[in-house]
Amino acid sequence: MATHLDGLAALGERGRVEAEESRLLQPNTYLEPFALRALGVVREDAGLIDRAANRFEAFGLVWHTARTRALL
């Protein structure tokens, strides 16, 4: 699902990312930062991307944190 969200965001599929939002944007879950990042990308919202980076960091996902911060 994480890769699915990344792919939708890369394709600019805002409607499809937003359709997944309510199901995947659950606090403190593994998929939360992926959903935040995808939403941030399709909405061009730096605040969401920053939140995603912070969540990745909290989970200790260093590579994903760096990759997400590079979007800012």
Protein backbone atom coordinates (compact mmCIF):
# COMPACT_ATOMS: atom_id res chain seq x y z
CA MET A 1 0.00 0.00 0.00
CA ALA A 2 2.91 2.35 0.71
CA THR A 3 4.22 1.86 -2.83
CA HIS A 4 0.70 2.26 -4.20
CA LEU A 5 0.40 5.66 -2.49
CA ASP A 6 3.81 6.74 -3.75
CA GLY A 7 2.84 5.75 -7.28
CA LEU A 8 -0.47 7.62 -7.17
CA ALA A 9 1.31 10.71 -5.88
CA ALA A 10 3.98 10.48 -8.60
CA LEU A 11 1.23 10.29 -11.22
CA GLY A 12 -0.57 13.28 -9.70
CA GLU A 13 -3.70 11.23 -9.00
CA ARG A 14 -5.11 13.60 -6.41
CA GLY A 15 -8.62 12.15 -6.43
CA ARG A 16 -7.40 8.62 -5.90
CA VAL A 17 -5.00 9.64 -3.12
CA GLU A 18 -7.77 11.57 -1.39
CA ALA A 19 -10.11 8.58 -1.73
CA GLU A 20 -7.62 6.50 0.27
CA GLU A 21 -7.12 9.25 2.87
CA SER A 22 -9.86 8.37 5.35
CA ARG A 23 -8.88 4.72 5.41
CA LEU A 24 -5.11 5.19 5.66
CA LEU A 25 -4.62 8.42 7.57
CA GLN A 26 -4.89 6.76 10.97
CA PRO A 27 -2.63 8.29 13.66
CA ASN A 28 0.39 6.29 14.77
CA THR A 29 0.09 3.62 12.10
CA TYR A 30 2.80 2.54 9.68
CA LEU A 31 0.86 3.87 6.69
CA GLU A 32 0.13 7.29 8.20
CA PRO A 33 3.35 8.99 7.01
CA PHE A 34 2.99 7.50 3.52
CA ALA A 35 -0.55 8.85 3.29
CA LEU A 36 0.57 12.26 4.59
CA ARG A 37 3.39 12.41 2.05
CA ALA A 38 1.15 11.40 -0.85
CA LEU A 39 -1.44 14.00 0.15
CA GLY A 40 1.26 16.63 0.53
CA VAL A 41 2.61 15.90 -2.92
CA VAL A 42 -0.74 15.97 -4.74
CA ARG A 43 -1.95 19.02 -2.82
CA GLU A 44 1.44 20.75 -3.03
CA ASP A 45 1.26 21.23 0.74
CA ALA A 46 4.65 21.55 2.42
CA GLY A 47 3.05 21.28 5.86
CA LEU A 48 1.74 17.79 5.13
CA ILE A 49 5.09 16.75 3.70
CA ASP A 50 6.84 18.03 6.81
CA ARG A 51 4.39 16.13 9.04
CA ALA A 52 5.11 13.00 7.01
CA ALA A 53 8.86 13.46 7.47
CA ASN A 54 8.39 13.88 11.22
CA ARG A 55 6.29 10.71 11.42
CA PHE A 56 8.86 8.74 9.40
CA GLU A 57 11.53 10.01 11.77
CA ALA A 58 9.47 8.97 14.81
CA PHE A 59 9.26 5.44 13.38
CA GLY A 60 13.04 5.41 12.82
CA LEU A 61 12.65 5.17 9.04
CA VAL A 62 15.75 7.19 8.16
CA TRP A 63 15.70 6.60 4.40
CA HIS A 64 12.03 7.60 4.12
CA THR A 65 12.65 10.64 6.33
CA ALA A 66 15.46 11.87 4.06
CA ARG A 67 13.50 11.13 0.89
CA THR A 68 10.51 13.06 2.23
CA ARG A 69 12.54 16.05 3.44
CA ALA A 70 14.07 16.26 -0.05
CA LEU A 71 10.58 17.15 -1.33
CA LEU A 72 10.50 20.34 0.73
